Amino acid sequence: MDAPRWIIHLPTTLTSQDAAITLAEALRDSLGHVTVLDFGEATLSEEDRQFLRTRVWCDHRLPGGTRCPRRADRPGDCPAA
């Protein structure tokens, strides 16, 4: 049996989903080298509705084992690897 993975819940003072996504993108860009962080699985939720989560990135698996880095709500297909 695999050991459980732990989630870090990090509240912010941001008041819009777009601002929260911008922060998530900045964190991914600056901390992407930290291999224990799985930014592809990042989700957002409102403070009082944490049970309702919104995926930040597409995270679709691409050829070669990489994952799509584009936002989940964007139009169009995933890029080629």
C-alpha atoms as a PDB file:
ATOM      1  CA  MET A   1       0.000   0.000   0.000  1.00  0.00           C
ATOM      2  CA  ASP A   2       1.283   3.470  -0.904  1.00  0.00           C
ATOM      3  CA  ALA A   3       1.766   6.022   1.842  1.00  0.00           C
ATOM      4  CA  PRO A   4      -0.865   8.797   1.855  1.00  0.00           C
ATOM      5  CA  ARG A   5      -0.016  12.089   0.177  1.00  0.00           C
ATOM      6  CA  TRP A   6      -0.442  15.264   2.174  1.00  0.00           C
ATOM      7  CA  ILE A   7      -2.118  18.460   0.967  1.00  0.00           C
ATOM      8  CA  ILE A   8      -1.030  21.930   2.079  1.00  0.00           C
ATOM      9  CA  HIS A   9      -3.999  24.296   2.350  1.00  0.00           C
ATOM     10  CA  LEU A  10      -2.628  27.820   2.055  1.00  0.00           C
ATOM     11  CA  PRO A  11      -5.291  30.537   2.500  1.00  0.00           C
ATOM     12  CA  THR A  12      -4.775  33.944   0.886  1.00  0.00           C
ATOM     13  CA  THR A  13      -6.295  37.388   1.226  1.00  0.00           C
ATOM     14  CA  LEU A  14      -7.161  37.476  -2.493  1.00  0.00           C
ATOM     15  CA  THR A  15     -10.783  38.206  -3.375  1.00  0.00           C
ATOM     16  CA  SER A  16     -11.029  37.027  -6.992  1.00  0.00           C
ATOM     17  CA  GLN A  17     -10.503  33.710  -8.737  1.00  0.00           C
ATOM     18  CA  ASP A  18      -8.376  35.380 -11.454  1.00  0.00           C
ATOM     19  CA  ALA A  19      -6.028  36.810  -8.812  1.00  0.00           C
ATOM     20  CA  ALA A  20      -5.757  33.392  -7.143  1.00  0.00           C
ATOM     21  CA  ILE A  21      -4.919  31.768 -10.499  1.00  0.00           C
ATOM     22  CA  THR A  22      -2.284  34.440 -11.140  1.00  0.00           C
ATOM     23  CA  LEU A  23      -0.728  33.672  -7.751  1.00  0.00           C
ATOM     24  CA  ALA A  24      -0.820  29.924  -8.450  1.00  0.00           C
ATOM     25  CA  GLU A  25       0.957  30.548 -11.765  1.00  0.00           C
ATOM     26  CA  ALA A  26       3.624  32.658 -10.024  1.00  0.00           C
ATOM     27  CA  LEU A  27       4.145  29.949  -7.405  1.00  0.00           C
ATOM     28  CA  ARG A  28       4.440  27.285 -10.112  1.00  0.00           C
ATOM     29  CA  ASP A  29       6.924  29.400 -12.068  1.00  0.00           C
ATOM     30  CA  SER A  30       9.094  30.137  -9.044  1.00  0.00           C
ATOM     31  CA  LEU A  31       8.836  26.763  -7.273  1.00  0.00           C
ATOM     32  CA  GLY A  32       8.546  24.411 -10.243  1.00  0.00           C
ATOM     33  CA  HIS A  33      11.977  22.976  -9.460  1.00  0.00           C
ATOM     34  CA  VAL A  34      10.733  21.586  -6.123  1.00  0.00           C
ATOM     35  CA  THR A  35       9.924  18.008  -7.088  1.00  0.00           C
ATOM     36  CA  VAL A  36       7.692  17.254  -4.085  1.00  0.00           C
ATOM     37  CA  LEU A  37       5.148  19.850  -5.261  1.00  0.00           C
ATOM     38  CA  ASP A  38       2.549  18.655  -7.779  1.00  0.00           C
ATOM     39  CA  PHE A  39       1.340  21.861  -9.409  1.00  0.00           C
ATOM     40  CA  GLY A  40      -0.605  19.901 -12.024  1.00  0.00           C
ATOM     41  CA  GLU A  41      -3.069  18.901  -9.330  1.00  0.00           C
ATOM     42  CA  ALA A  42      -3.567  22.434  -7.971  1.00  0.00           C
ATOM     43  CA  THR A  43      -7.146  23.452  -7.259  1.00  0.00           C
ATOM     44  CA  LEU A  44      -8.801  26.606  -5.939  1.00  0.00           C
ATOM     45  CA  SER A  45     -11.818  27.065  -3.707  1.00  0.00           C
ATOM     46  CA  GLU A  46     -13.627  29.913  -2.015  1.00  0.00           C
ATOM     47  CA  GLU A  47     -12.873  30.236   1.685  1.00  0.00           C
ATOM     48  CA  ASP A  48     -16.319  29.125   2.844  1.00  0.00           C
ATOM     49  CA  ARG A  49     -16.883  26.613   0.018  1.00  0.00           C
ATOM     50  CA  GLN A  50     -13.739  24.490   0.225  1.00  0.00           C
ATOM     51  CA  PHE A  51     -15.683  21.403  -0.847  1.00  0.00           C
ATOM     52  CA  LEU A  52     -16.184  23.014  -4.303  1.00  0.00           C
ATOM     53  CA  ARG A  53     -12.797  23.057  -6.013  1.00  0.00           C
ATOM     54  CA  THR A  54     -11.768  24.463  -9.387  1.00  0.00           C
ATOM     55  CA  ARG A  55      -8.841  22.899 -11.235  1.00  0.00           C
ATOM     56  CA  VAL A  56      -6.133  25.435 -12.203  1.00  0.00           C
ATOM     57  CA  TRP A  57      -4.284  23.569 -14.972  1.00  0.00           C
ATOM     58  CA  CYS A  58      -5.369  21.104 -17.626  1.00  0.00           C
ATOM     59  CA  ASP A  59      -2.729  18.541 -16.569  1.00  0.00           C
ATOM     60  CA  HIS A  60      -3.631  16.226 -19.491  1.00  0.00           C
ATOM     61  CA  ARG A  61      -0.852  13.701 -20.088  1.00  0.00           C
ATOM     62  CA  LEU A  62       1.092  14.460 -23.283  1.00  0.00           C
ATOM     63  CA  PRO A  63       3.310  12.171 -25.375  1.00  0.00           C
ATOM     64  CA  GLY A  64       6.666  11.690 -23.685  1.00  0.00           C
ATOM     65  CA  GLY A  65       5.217  11.691 -20.160  1.00  0.00           C
ATOM     66  CA  THR A  66       4.909  15.439 -19.692  1.00  0.00           C
ATOM     67  CA  ARG A  67       1.650  17.165 -18.751  1.00  0.00           C
ATOM     68  CA  CYS A  68      -0.202  20.059 -20.355  1.00  0.00           C
ATOM     69  CA  PRO A  69       0.806  23.263 -18.537  1.00  0.00           C
ATOM     70  CA  ARG A  70      -2.070  25.370 -19.876  1.00  0.00           C
ATOM     71  CA  ARG A  71      -4.977  26.629 -17.799  1.00  0.00           C
ATOM     72  CA  ALA A  72      -7.895  24.257 -17.404  1.00  0.00           C
ATOM     73  CA  ASP A  73     -10.468  26.775 -18.694  1.00  0.00           C
ATOM     74  CA  ARG A  74      -8.659  27.732 -21.902  1.00  0.00           C
ATOM     75  CA  PRO A  75     -10.087  27.071 -25.379  1.00  0.00           C
ATOM     76  CA  GLY A  76      -8.370  24.742 -27.816  1.00  0.00           C
ATOM     77  CA  ASP A  77      -6.340  21.587 -27.638  1.00  0.00           C
ATOM     78  CA  CYS A  78      -3.293  20.781 -25.566  1.00  0.00           C
ATOM     79  CA  PRO A  79       0.052  21.545 -27.212  1.00  0.00           C
ATOM     80  CA  ALA A  80       2.183  18.769 -28.645  1.00  0.00           C
ATOM     81  CA  ALA A  81       4.950  17.655 -26.279  1.00  0.00           C
END
